[in-house]
Amino acid sequence: MAVVVLCAVSVLVASGVQAVNVNEEEASKEMVMTATNSLHAVQSGITEIVTETMPEETTEIKETEISEPEPEYILYFTEEDVSDLAKLMLRECGGVESKTEQACVAWCVLNRVDEYGSSIHDVLREPTQFAFSESTEVRDDLYELANDVLSRWNDEKNGISNSGRVLPQEYTYFHGDGVHNYFRNAFSGNYDTWDYSLESPYDN
């Protein structure tokens, strides 16, 4: 009888242990499932946060247009140069009717400035070259013409083509008879006399 009871107790104990083992295994599985679900939830939340904070990809790259700066316009003459040139023109071509011929006197001076790398002031005052005098009056029409020629010459020096030049650069000498001036490309010897073949912006 004692043996039967002992066996029964052993079966009950074994059954209890097995039950405990089963419960512990289920509990472990449940904990693993809970942890796995929590991990998925955390990963999902992180993905959403990253997605929200990441900027949208730009499919089009805008190129910044870089424009080159315009070249600086340089002024190569002064108001004194205008007055001095008008004084010279009164003495050299004040009685000449053609405005183009008068303008050629100014261009002849400027041709020398370019050839010798000098200034208008110095070229006009070079001894025995031009009939310049400081005391000469400044006539309004000649001042206006001198300013016009200087402006065209200045445009040319700044790279503007077809500025309205009426005398080619190689003509640096002239002589007159009181009515007309005759421009030449050399002081003496074989030289060409200008024929006024350039289109003039002035009325002749």
N, C-alpha and C. Protein backbone atom coordinates (compact mmCIF):
# COMPACT_ATOMS: atom_id res chain seq x y z
N MET A 1 0.84 -1.19 0.00
CA MET A 1 0.00 0.00 0.00
C MET A 1 0.87 1.24 0.00
N ALA A 2 1.86 1.21 0.79
CA ALA A 2 2.80 2.34 0.86
C ALA A 2 3.46 2.57 -0.46
N VAL A 3 3.75 1.48 -1.15
CA VAL A 3 4.42 1.59 -2.47
C VAL A 3 3.50 2.26 -3.45
N VAL A 4 2.23 1.93 -3.42
CA VAL A 4 1.25 2.52 -4.34
C VAL A 4 1.13 4.00 -4.11
N VAL A 5 1.06 4.34 -2.84
CA VAL A 5 0.94 5.77 -2.48
C VAL A 5 2.16 6.52 -2.95
N LEU A 6 3.35 5.93 -2.76
CA LEU A 6 4.61 6.56 -3.14
C LEU A 6 4.65 6.77 -4.65
N CYS A 7 4.19 5.78 -5.37
CA CYS A 7 4.17 5.90 -6.84
C CYS A 7 3.22 6.99 -7.28
N ALA A 8 2.08 7.06 -6.60
CA ALA A 8 1.09 8.09 -6.93
C ALA A 8 1.67 9.47 -6.70
N VAL A 9 2.35 9.57 -5.54
CA VAL A 9 2.98 10.88 -5.22
C VAL A 9 4.01 11.23 -6.27
N SER A 10 4.79 10.24 -6.69
CA SER A 10 5.84 10.49 -7.71
C SER A 10 5.22 10.95 -9.01
N VAL A 11 4.09 10.31 -9.39
CA VAL A 11 3.41 10.71 -10.63
C VAL A 11 2.91 12.12 -10.54
N LEU A 12 2.33 12.45 -9.37
CA LEU A 12 1.82 13.81 -9.17
C LEU A 12 2.95 14.85 -9.23
N VAL A 13 4.05 14.48 -8.56
CA VAL A 13 5.21 15.41 -8.55
C VAL A 13 5.72 15.59 -9.96
N ALA A 14 5.84 14.48 -10.70
CA ALA A 14 6.35 14.56 -12.07
C ALA A 14 5.40 15.38 -12.94
N SER A 15 4.11 15.15 -12.71
CA SER A 15 3.12 15.91 -13.47
C SER A 15 3.21 17.39 -13.15
N GLY A 16 3.43 17.69 -11.87
CA GLY A 16 3.55 19.10 -11.47
C GLY A 16 4.77 19.75 -12.08
N VAL A 17 5.85 19.00 -12.06
CA VAL A 17 7.09 19.54 -12.65
C VAL A 17 6.90 19.80 -14.13
N GLN A 18 6.22 18.82 -14.77
CA GLN A 18 5.99 18.98 -16.22
C GLN A 18 5.10 20.17 -16.48
N ALA A 19 4.08 20.33 -15.59
CA ALA A 19 3.17 21.47 -15.75
C ALA A 19 3.93 22.78 -15.59
N VAL A 20 4.79 22.76 -14.54
CA VAL A 20 5.60 23.99 -14.29
C VAL A 20 6.47 24.27 -15.49
N ASN A 21 7.11 23.21 -16.04
CA ASN A 21 8.00 23.38 -17.21
C ASN A 21 7.22 23.92 -18.41
N VAL A 22 6.00 23.37 -18.59
CA VAL A 22 5.16 23.84 -19.71
C VAL A 22 4.80 25.28 -19.53
N ASN A 23 4.41 25.63 -18.29
CA ASN A 23 4.03 27.04 -18.04
C ASN A 23 5.21 27.98 -18.26
N GLU A 24 6.40 27.53 -17.80
CA GLU A 24 7.60 28.38 -17.97
C GLU A 24 7.93 28.54 -19.45
N GLU A 25 7.78 27.50 -20.22
CA GLU A 25 8.10 27.54 -21.66
C GLU A 25 7.14 28.48 -22.37
N GLU A 26 5.84 28.36 -21.98
CA GLU A 26 4.86 29.25 -22.61
C GLU A 26 5.13 30.71 -22.24
N ALA A 27 5.51 30.86 -20.96
CA ALA A 27 5.82 32.24 -20.52
C ALA A 27 7.00 32.79 -21.28
N SER A 28 7.99 31.95 -21.49
CA SER A 28 9.19 32.40 -22.24
C SER A 28 8.82 32.76 -23.66
N LYS A 29 7.98 31.90 -24.28
CA LYS A 29 7.54 32.20 -25.65
C LYS A 29 6.78 33.51 -25.72
N GLU A 30 5.93 33.72 -24.72
CA GLU A 30 5.13 34.95 -24.70
C GLU A 30 6.03 36.17 -24.55
N MET A 31 7.07 36.03 -23.69
CA MET A 31 7.99 37.14 -23.50
C MET A 31 8.77 37.43 -24.78
N VAL A 32 9.16 36.36 -25.47
CA VAL A 32 9.90 36.54 -26.74
C VAL A 32 9.02 37.23 -27.76
N MET A 33 7.73 36.82 -27.84
CA MET A 33 6.80 37.43 -28.78
C MET A 33 6.60 38.89 -28.46
N THR A 34 6.45 39.18 -27.16
CA THR A 34 6.25 40.58 -26.73
C THR A 34 7.46 41.42 -27.09
N ALA A 35 8.64 40.89 -26.81
CA ALA A 35 9.87 41.62 -27.11
C ALA A 35 10.01 41.84 -28.61
N THR A 36 9.66 40.81 -29.38
CA THR A 36 9.78 40.92 -30.85
C THR A 36 8.82 41.97 -31.38
N ASN A 37 7.57 41.93 -30.85
CA ASN A 37 6.59 42.93 -31.28
C ASN A 37 7.05 44.34 -30.91
N SER A 38 7.61 44.48 -29.71
CA SER A 38 8.09 45.79 -29.25
C SER A 38 9.23 46.29 -30.15
N LEU A 39 10.12 45.36 -30.53
CA LEU A 39 11.25 45.73 -31.39
C LEU A 39 10.76 46.18 -32.75
N HIS A 40 9.75 45.45 -33.30
CA HIS A 40 9.18 45.86 -34.58
C HIS A 40 8.53 47.24 -34.48
N ALA A 41 7.86 47.47 -33.36
CA ALA A 41 7.20 48.77 -33.17
C ALA A 41 8.24 49.89 -33.11
N VAL A 42 9.34 49.62 -32.38
CA VAL A 42 10.39 50.65 -32.26
C VAL A 42 11.02 50.93 -33.61
N GLN A 43 11.33 49.84 -34.36
CA GLN A 43 11.94 50.01 -35.67
C GLN A 43 11.02 50.76 -36.61
N SER A 44 9.70 50.45 -36.54
CA SER A 44 8.73 51.13 -37.38
C SER A 44 8.67 52.61 -37.04
N GLY A 45 8.71 52.91 -35.73
CA GLY A 45 8.68 54.31 -35.29
C GLY A 45 9.91 55.06 -35.77
N ILE A 46 11.09 54.41 -35.67
CA ILE A 46 12.33 55.05 -36.12
C ILE A 46 12.27 55.33 -37.61
N THR A 47 11.74 54.37 -38.37
CA THR A 47 11.64 54.55 -39.83
C THR A 47 10.75 55.74 -40.16
N GLU A 48 9.63 55.86 -39.44
CA GLU A 48 8.73 56.97 -39.69
C GLU A 48 9.39 58.30 -39.36
N ILE A 49 10.12 58.33 -38.24
CA ILE A 49 10.79 59.58 -37.84
C ILE A 49 11.83 59.98 -38.87
N VAL A 50 12.64 59.00 -39.30
CA VAL A 50 13.68 59.28 -40.29
C VAL A 50 13.07 59.75 -41.59
N THR A 51 11.96 59.09 -42.00
CA THR A 51 11.28 59.46 -43.25
C THR A 51 10.75 60.88 -43.19
N GLU A 52 10.21 61.24 -42.01
CA GLU A 52 9.65 62.58 -41.87
C GLU A 52 10.72 63.65 -41.87
N THR A 53 11.89 63.34 -41.28
CA THR A 53 12.93 64.37 -41.14
C THR A 53 13.85 64.46 -42.34
N MET A 54 13.89 63.42 -43.19
CA MET A 54 14.77 63.47 -44.36
C MET A 54 14.18 64.40 -45.41
N PRO A 55 14.99 65.30 -45.98
CA PRO A 55 14.47 66.19 -47.03
C PRO A 55 14.19 65.41 -48.31
N GLU A 56 13.22 65.92 -49.05
CA GLU A 56 12.90 65.27 -50.31
C GLU A 56 14.05 65.45 -51.29
N GLU A 57 14.31 64.43 -52.07
CA GLU A 57 15.40 64.49 -53.03
C GLU A 57 15.03 65.47 -54.14
N THR A 58 16.01 66.30 -54.46
CA THR A 58 15.80 67.27 -55.53
C THR A 58 16.17 66.62 -56.84
N THR A 59 15.21 66.57 -57.74
CA THR A 59 15.46 65.90 -59.02
C THR A 59 16.06 66.85 -60.04
N GLU A 60 15.91 68.16 -59.79
CA GLU A 60 16.42 69.13 -60.76
C GLU A 60 17.43 70.04 -60.08
N ILE A 61 18.62 70.13 -60.63
CA ILE A 61 19.66 70.99 -60.08
C ILE A 61 19.66 72.30 -60.86
N LYS A 62 19.43 73.37 -60.13
CA LYS A 62 19.40 74.67 -60.78
C LYS A 62 20.82 75.22 -60.88
N GLU A 63 21.20 75.57 -62.08
CA GLU A 63 22.52 76.13 -62.29
C GLU A 63 22.46 77.63 -62.08
N THR A 64 23.42 78.14 -61.33
CA THR A 64 23.49 79.57 -61.09
C THR A 64 24.14 80.23 -62.30
N GLU A 65 23.40 81.15 -62.90
CA GLU A 65 23.94 81.85 -64.06
C GLU A 65 24.94 82.90 -63.60
N ILE A 66 26.15 82.81 -64.12
CA ILE A 66 27.20 83.75 -63.78
C ILE A 66 27.47 84.62 -64.99
N SER A 67 27.13 85.89 -64.88
CA SER A 67 27.34 86.81 -66.00
C SER A 67 28.66 87.55 -65.82
N GLU A 68 29.36 87.70 -66.93
CA GLU A 68 30.64 88.39 -66.88
C GLU A 68 30.41 89.88 -66.69
N PRO A 69 31.20 90.53 -65.85
CA PRO A 69 31.03 91.97 -65.64
C PRO A 69 31.37 92.74 -66.91
N GLU A 70 30.62 93.79 -67.15
CA GLU A 70 30.89 94.62 -68.31
C GLU A 70 32.21 95.36 -68.13
N PRO A 71 32.99 95.48 -69.22
CA PRO A 71 34.27 96.17 -69.10
C PRO A 71 34.08 97.63 -68.73
N GLU A 72 34.99 98.14 -67.94
CA GLU A 72 34.91 99.52 -67.47
C GLU A 72 35.19 100.48 -68.62
N TYR A 73 34.37 101.52 -68.73
CA TYR A 73 34.57 102.54 -69.77
C TYR A 73 35.53 103.59 -69.21
N ILE A 74 36.66 103.75 -69.90
CA ILE A 74 37.71 104.64 -69.43
C ILE A 74 37.64 105.97 -70.18
N LEU A 75 37.81 107.06 -69.46
CA LEU A 75 37.80 108.39 -70.07
C LEU A 75 39.24 108.84 -70.28
N TYR A 76 39.58 109.14 -71.54
CA TYR A 76 40.96 109.46 -71.91
C TYR A 76 41.19 110.95 -72.13
N PHE A 77 40.22 111.78 -71.90
CA PHE A 77 40.43 113.22 -72.08
C PHE A 77 39.73 114.00 -70.98
N THR A 78 40.13 115.27 -70.86
CA THR A 78 39.59 116.14 -69.82
C THR A 78 38.87 117.33 -70.46
N GLU A 79 38.21 118.11 -69.63
CA GLU A 79 37.55 119.32 -70.12
C GLU A 79 38.57 120.31 -70.65
N GLU A 80 39.75 120.34 -70.02
CA GLU A 80 40.83 121.20 -70.52
C GLU A 80 41.24 120.80 -71.93
N ASP A 81 41.27 119.48 -72.20
CA ASP A 81 41.62 119.01 -73.54
C ASP A 81 40.61 119.51 -74.57
N VAL A 82 39.35 119.53 -74.21
CA VAL A 82 38.31 120.02 -75.13
C VAL A 82 38.55 121.49 -75.45
N SER A 83 38.79 122.29 -74.42
CA SER A 83 39.04 123.72 -74.62
C SER A 83 40.30 123.96 -75.44
N ASP A 84 41.36 123.22 -75.14
CA ASP A 84 42.62 123.39 -75.88
C ASP A 84 42.45 123.03 -77.35
N LEU A 85 41.72 121.95 -77.61
CA LEU A 85 41.52 121.53 -78.99
C LEU A 85 40.66 122.56 -79.74
N ALA A 86 39.69 123.15 -79.07
CA ALA A 86 38.86 124.19 -79.70
C ALA A 86 39.70 125.43 -80.01
N LYS A 87 40.64 125.76 -79.12
CA LYS A 87 41.54 126.90 -79.38
C LYS A 87 42.38 126.65 -80.61
N LEU A 88 42.94 125.44 -80.71
CA LEU A 88 43.76 125.10 -81.87
C LEU A 88 42.94 125.16 -83.16
N MET A 89 41.74 124.62 -83.12
CA MET A 89 40.90 124.57 -84.31
C MET A 89 40.53 125.97 -84.80
N LEU A 90 40.39 126.91 -83.89
CA LEU A 90 40.09 128.28 -84.31
C LEU A 90 41.25 128.85 -85.11
N ARG A 91 42.45 128.56 -84.69
CA ARG A 91 43.63 129.09 -85.35
C ARG A 91 43.99 128.31 -86.63
N GLU A 92 43.69 127.02 -86.65
CA GLU A 92 44.08 126.19 -87.79
C GLU A 92 42.98 126.04 -88.85
N CYS A 93 41.72 126.13 -88.43
CA CYS A 93 40.65 125.90 -89.41
C CYS A 93 39.40 126.73 -89.10
N GLY A 94 39.60 127.85 -88.41
CA GLY A 94 38.45 128.69 -88.06
C GLY A 94 37.71 129.22 -89.27
N GLY A 95 38.42 129.39 -90.38
CA GLY A 95 37.78 129.93 -91.58
C GLY A 95 37.37 128.86 -92.57
N VAL A 96 37.57 127.60 -92.23
CA VAL A 96 37.19 126.49 -93.12
C VAL A 96 35.70 126.21 -92.97
N GLU A 97 35.00 126.12 -94.09
CA GLU A 97 33.55 125.94 -94.03
C GLU A 97 33.14 124.51 -93.71
N SER A 98 33.91 123.55 -94.19
CA SER A 98 33.54 122.15 -94.02
C SER A 98 33.77 121.70 -92.57
N LYS A 99 32.73 121.20 -91.96
CA LYS A 99 32.83 120.69 -90.60
C LYS A 99 33.68 119.42 -90.56
N THR A 100 33.62 118.64 -91.62
CA THR A 100 34.44 117.43 -91.69
C THR A 100 35.91 117.79 -91.72
N GLU A 101 36.29 118.82 -92.50
CA GLU A 101 37.68 119.26 -92.56
C GLU A 101 38.14 119.79 -91.21
N GLN A 102 37.25 120.49 -90.52
CA GLN A 102 37.59 120.98 -89.18
C GLN A 102 37.82 119.81 -88.23
N ALA A 103 36.96 118.80 -88.33
CA ALA A 103 37.10 117.63 -87.46
C ALA A 103 38.41 116.89 -87.75
N CYS A 104 38.84 116.92 -89.00
CA CYS A 104 40.09 116.24 -89.36
C CYS A 104 41.29 116.87 -88.65
N VAL A 105 41.26 118.17 -88.40
CA VAL A 105 42.34 118.81 -87.65
C VAL A 105 42.43 118.21 -86.25
N ALA A 106 41.29 118.03 -85.62
CA ALA A 106 41.27 117.43 -84.28
C ALA A 106 41.76 115.99 -84.33
N TRP A 107 41.32 115.24 -85.34
CA TRP A 107 41.76 113.85 -85.48
C TRP A 107 43.26 113.75 -85.76
N CYS A 108 43.81 114.71 -86.48
CA CYS A 108 45.24 114.71 -86.76
C CYS A 108 46.03 114.84 -85.46
N VAL A 109 45.57 115.70 -84.57
CA VAL A 109 46.20 115.85 -83.25
C VAL A 109 46.12 114.53 -82.48
N LEU A 110 44.96 113.92 -82.48
CA LEU A 110 44.76 112.68 -81.73
C LEU A 110 45.56 111.52 -82.34
N ASN A 111 45.76 111.55 -83.65
CA ASN A 111 46.61 110.54 -84.28
C ASN A 111 48.04 110.63 -83.75
N ARG A 112 48.49 111.84 -83.52
CA ARG A 112 49.84 112.02 -82.95
C ARG A 112 49.89 111.55 -81.50
N VAL A 113 48.84 111.82 -80.78
CA VAL A 113 48.78 111.36 -79.39
C VAL A 113 48.92 109.84 -79.35
N ASP A 114 48.19 109.16 -80.23
CA ASP A 114 48.25 107.70 -80.27
C ASP A 114 49.61 107.20 -80.75
N GLU A 115 50.18 107.88 -81.73
CA GLU A 115 51.45 107.42 -82.31
C GLU A 115 52.60 107.56 -81.32
N TYR A 116 52.63 108.67 -80.61
CA TYR A 116 53.76 108.94 -79.72
C TYR A 116 53.49 108.56 -78.26
N GLY A 117 52.29 108.09 -77.98
CA GLY A 117 51.97 107.72 -76.60
C GLY A 117 52.02 108.91 -75.67
N SER A 118 51.70 110.07 -76.19
CA SER A 118 51.78 111.30 -75.43
C SER A 118 50.38 111.72 -74.96
N SER A 119 50.28 112.96 -74.50
CA SER A 119 49.00 113.51 -74.07
C SER A 119 48.57 114.61 -75.02
N ILE A 120 47.30 114.94 -75.01
CA ILE A 120 46.80 116.03 -75.85
C ILE A 120 47.47 117.33 -75.46
N HIS A 121 47.61 117.53 -74.17
CA HIS A 121 48.26 118.74 -73.66
C HIS A 121 49.66 118.91 -74.24
N ASP A 122 50.45 117.84 -74.22
CA ASP A 122 51.85 117.94 -74.67
C ASP A 122 51.95 118.05 -76.19
N VAL A 123 51.11 117.31 -76.91
CA VAL A 123 51.17 117.35 -78.37
C VAL A 123 50.83 118.75 -78.88
N LEU A 124 49.82 119.37 -78.32
CA LEU A 124 49.42 120.71 -78.77
C LEU A 124 50.50 121.75 -78.48
N ARG A 125 51.29 121.52 -77.46
CA ARG A 125 52.30 122.50 -77.05
C ARG A 125 53.71 122.16 -77.55
N GLU A 126 53.81 121.15 -78.38
CA GLU A 126 55.10 120.80 -78.98
C GLU A 126 55.56 121.95 -79.88
N PRO A 127 56.78 122.46 -79.70
CA PRO A 127 57.25 123.62 -80.48
C PRO A 127 57.22 123.38 -81.99
N THR A 128 56.78 124.37 -82.70
CA THR A 128 56.76 124.42 -84.18
C THR A 128 55.89 123.34 -84.82
N GLN A 129 54.96 122.80 -84.09
CA GLN A 129 54.10 121.74 -84.65
C GLN A 129 52.71 122.26 -85.00
N PHE A 130 52.04 122.86 -84.05
CA PHE A 130 50.70 123.38 -84.28
C PHE A 130 50.63 124.84 -83.85
N ALA A 131 49.67 125.56 -84.42
CA ALA A 131 49.50 126.99 -84.12
C ALA A 131 48.66 127.17 -82.86
N PHE A 132 49.08 126.52 -81.79
CA PHE A 132 48.31 126.60 -80.54
C PHE A 132 48.76 127.81 -79.72
N SER A 133 47.79 128.48 -79.09
CA SER A 133 48.08 129.59 -78.19
C SER A 133 47.11 129.54 -77.01
N GLU A 134 47.66 129.67 -75.81
CA GLU A 134 46.83 129.63 -74.60
C GLU A 134 45.78 130.73 -74.59
N SER A 135 46.11 131.88 -75.19
CA SER A 135 45.23 133.05 -75.11
C SER A 135 44.11 133.04 -76.15
N THR A 136 44.06 132.04 -76.99
CA THR A 136 43.02 131.97 -78.02
C THR A 136 41.65 131.78 -77.38
N GLU A 137 40.66 132.47 -77.93
CA GLU A 137 39.30 132.31 -77.40
C GLU A 137 38.74 130.93 -77.74
N VAL A 138 37.75 130.52 -76.99
CA VAL A 138 37.08 129.25 -77.24
C VAL A 138 35.73 129.56 -77.88
N ARG A 139 35.60 129.26 -79.14
CA ARG A 139 34.34 129.50 -79.85
C ARG A 139 33.39 128.34 -79.60
N ASP A 140 32.14 128.65 -79.37
CA ASP A 140 31.17 127.63 -78.96
C ASP A 140 31.05 126.49 -79.96
N ASP A 141 30.94 126.80 -81.25
CA ASP A 141 30.74 125.74 -82.24
C ASP A 141 31.96 124.82 -82.33
N LEU A 142 33.17 125.41 -82.16
CA LEU A 142 34.38 124.60 -82.21
C LEU A 142 34.56 123.79 -80.92
N TYR A 143 34.11 124.34 -79.80
CA TYR A 143 34.15 123.58 -78.54
C TYR A 143 33.24 122.35 -78.66
N GLU A 144 32.07 122.55 -79.23
CA GLU A 144 31.12 121.44 -79.41
C GLU A 144 31.70 120.38 -80.35
N LEU A 145 32.35 120.83 -81.44
CA LEU A 145 32.94 119.89 -82.38
C LEU A 145 34.13 119.15 -81.75
N ALA A 146 34.96 119.89 -81.01
CA ALA A 146 36.11 119.26 -80.34
C ALA A 146 35.63 118.20 -79.36
N ASN A 147 34.58 118.50 -78.63
CA ASN A 147 34.04 117.53 -77.66
C ASN A 147 33.48 116.30 -78.37
N ASP A 148 32.85 116.52 -79.53
CA ASP A 148 32.30 115.40 -80.30
C ASP A 148 33.42 114.49 -80.81
N VAL A 149 34.48 115.09 -81.37
CA VAL A 149 35.60 114.29 -81.88
C VAL A 149 36.27 113.53 -80.75
N LEU A 150 36.50 114.18 -79.63
CA LEU A 150 37.13 113.52 -78.49
C LEU A 150 36.28 112.37 -77.97
N SER A 151 34.98 112.53 -77.98
CA SER A 151 34.08 111.46 -77.52
C SER A 151 34.16 110.26 -78.46
N ARG A 152 34.23 110.52 -79.76
CA ARG A 152 34.34 109.43 -80.74
C ARG A 152 35.69 108.72 -80.61
N TRP A 153 36.73 109.50 -80.43
CA TRP A 153 38.08 108.94 -80.22
C TRP A 153 38.11 108.11 -78.94
N ASN A 154 37.46 108.60 -77.91
CA ASN A 154 37.41 107.88 -76.63
C ASN A 154 36.65 106.56 -76.77
N ASP A 155 35.56 106.57 -77.53
CA ASP A 155 34.83 105.32 -77.80
C ASP A 155 35.74 104.31 -78.49
N GLU A 156 36.48 104.80 -79.47
CA GLU A 156 37.39 103.94 -80.23
C GLU A 156 38.43 103.31 -79.32
N LYS A 157 38.98 104.08 -78.39
CA LYS A 157 39.99 103.57 -77.47
C LYS A 157 39.40 102.58 -76.47
N ASN A 158 38.09 102.63 -76.28
CA ASN A 158 37.41 101.67 -75.42
C ASN A 158 36.88 100.47 -76.19
N GLY A 159 37.32 100.34 -77.45
CA GLY A 159 36.97 99.16 -78.23
C GLY A 159 35.68 99.24 -79.00
N ILE A 160 35.09 100.43 -79.11
CA ILE A 160 33.84 100.59 -79.86
C ILE A 160 34.19 100.90 -81.31
N SER A 161 33.79 100.04 -82.22
CA SER A 161 34.12 100.22 -83.63
C SER A 161 33.15 101.18 -84.30
N ASN A 162 33.57 101.67 -85.47
CA ASN A 162 32.74 102.59 -86.26
C ASN A 162 32.28 103.79 -85.43
N SER A 163 33.24 104.42 -84.80
CA SER A 163 32.91 105.53 -83.90
C SER A 163 32.65 106.84 -84.64
N GLY A 164 32.99 106.89 -85.93
CA GLY A 164 32.78 108.12 -86.69
C GLY A 164 34.08 108.84 -87.02
N ARG A 165 35.16 108.08 -87.07
CA ARG A 165 36.46 108.65 -87.44
C ARG A 165 36.40 109.17 -88.88
N VAL A 166 36.97 110.36 -89.13
CA VAL A 166 36.96 110.93 -90.48
C VAL A 166 38.36 111.06 -91.07
N LEU A 167 39.38 110.66 -90.31
CA LEU A 167 40.76 110.70 -90.79
C LEU A 167 41.48 109.45 -90.30
N PRO A 168 42.07 108.67 -91.20
CA PRO A 168 42.79 107.45 -90.78
C PRO A 168 43.95 107.77 -89.85
N GLN A 169 44.36 106.78 -89.06
CA GLN A 169 45.36 106.98 -88.02
C GLN A 169 46.74 107.36 -88.55
N GLU A 170 47.06 106.97 -89.77
CA GLU A 170 48.42 107.23 -90.27
C GLU A 170 48.61 108.68 -90.73
N TYR A 171 47.54 109.46 -90.79
CA TYR A 171 47.66 110.86 -91.22
C TYR A 171 47.94 111.74 -90.01
N THR A 172 49.18 112.18 -89.92
CA THR A 172 49.61 112.95 -88.73
C THR A 172 50.17 114.33 -89.08
N TYR A 173 50.06 114.72 -90.34
CA TYR A 173 50.54 116.04 -90.77
C TYR A 173 49.49 116.71 -91.65
N PHE A 174 49.52 118.04 -91.67
CA PHE A 174 48.64 118.76 -92.58
C PHE A 174 49.20 120.17 -92.81
N HIS A 175 48.76 120.76 -93.88
CA HIS A 175 49.05 122.16 -94.15
C HIS A 175 47.78 122.76 -94.76
N GLY A 176 47.66 124.06 -94.70
CA GLY A 176 46.45 124.70 -95.19
C GLY A 176 46.75 125.94 -96.02
N ASP A 177 45.71 126.40 -96.71
CA ASP A 177 45.83 127.62 -97.52
C ASP A 177 44.84 128.69 -97.08
N GLY A 178 44.24 128.49 -95.90
CA GLY A 178 43.27 129.45 -95.40
C GLY A 178 41.84 129.08 -95.74
N VAL A 179 41.67 128.24 -96.74
CA VAL A 179 40.34 127.80 -97.15
C VAL A 179 40.16 126.31 -96.90
N HIS A 180 41.20 125.54 -97.20
CA HIS A 180 41.18 124.10 -97.00
C HIS A 180 42.47 123.66 -96.32
N ASN A 181 42.37 122.53 -95.63
CA ASN A 181 43.55 121.88 -95.07
C ASN A 181 43.79 120.58 -95.83
N TYR A 182 45.05 120.22 -95.97
CA TYR A 182 45.44 119.04 -96.73
C TYR A 182 46.24 118.12 -95.80
N PHE A 183 45.72 116.94 -95.59
CA PHE A 183 46.29 116.01 -94.61
C PHE A 183 47.13 114.95 -95.32
N ARG A 184 48.29 114.65 -94.75
CA ARG A 184 49.19 113.70 -95.38
C ARG A 184 49.74 112.72 -94.34
N ASN A 185 50.26 111.60 -94.82
CA ASN A 185 50.74 110.54 -93.93
C ASN A 185 52.26 110.53 -93.77
N ALA A 186 52.92 111.57 -94.21
CA ALA A 186 54.35 111.73 -93.98
C ALA A 186 54.67 113.22 -94.02
N PHE A 187 55.78 113.59 -93.39
CA PHE A 187 56.14 115.01 -93.36
C PHE A 187 56.59 115.49 -94.73
N SER A 188 57.39 114.66 -95.40
CA SER A 188 57.91 115.02 -96.72
C SER A 188 58.16 113.75 -97.53
N GLY A 189 58.67 113.94 -98.75
CA GLY A 189 58.95 112.79 -99.61
C GLY A 189 57.68 112.26 -100.25
N ASN A 190 57.61 110.98 -100.41
CA ASN A 190 56.43 110.36 -101.00
C ASN A 190 55.35 110.18 -99.93
N TYR A 191 54.25 110.84 -100.11
CA TYR A 191 53.16 110.72 -99.14
C TYR A 191 51.83 110.79 -99.88
N ASP A 192 50.81 110.31 -99.18
CA ASP A 192 49.44 110.37 -99.72
C ASP A 192 48.70 111.53 -99.07
N THR A 193 47.89 112.18 -99.85
CA THR A 193 47.04 113.25 -99.34
C THR A 193 45.63 112.70 -99.16
N TRP A 194 45.06 112.96 -98.03
CA TRP A 194 43.76 112.39 -97.70
C TRP A 194 42.67 112.90 -98.63
N ASP A 195 41.80 111.96 -99.07
CA ASP A 195 40.76 112.30 -100.06
C ASP A 195 39.36 112.35 -99.45
N TYR A 196 39.25 112.31 -98.13
CA TYR A 196 37.96 112.39 -97.43
C TYR A 196 36.99 111.29 -97.88
N SER A 197 37.54 110.10 -98.03
CA SER A 197 36.70 109.00 -98.53
C SER A 197 35.94 108.25 -97.42
N LEU A 198 36.23 108.55 -96.17
CA LEU A 198 35.47 107.94 -95.09
C LEU A 198 34.11 108.61 -94.95
N GLU A 199 33.12 107.82 -94.57
CA GLU A 199 31.79 108.39 -94.34
C GLU A 199 31.85 109.34 -93.16
N SER A 200 31.33 110.52 -93.35
CA SER A 200 31.41 111.55 -92.30
C SER A 200 30.06 111.69 -91.57
N PRO A 201 30.12 111.84 -90.25
CA PRO A 201 28.89 112.07 -89.49
C PRO A 201 28.47 113.55 -89.52
N TYR A 202 29.25 114.37 -90.22
CA TYR A 202 28.97 115.82 -90.28
C TYR A 202 28.51 116.22 -91.67
N ASP A 203 27.79 117.33 -91.71
CA ASP A 203 27.38 117.88 -93.01
C ASP A 203 28.53 118.69 -93.58
N ASN A 204 28.86 118.41 -94.82
CA ASN A 204 29.96 119.15 -95.46
C ASN A 204 29.45 120.46 -96.05
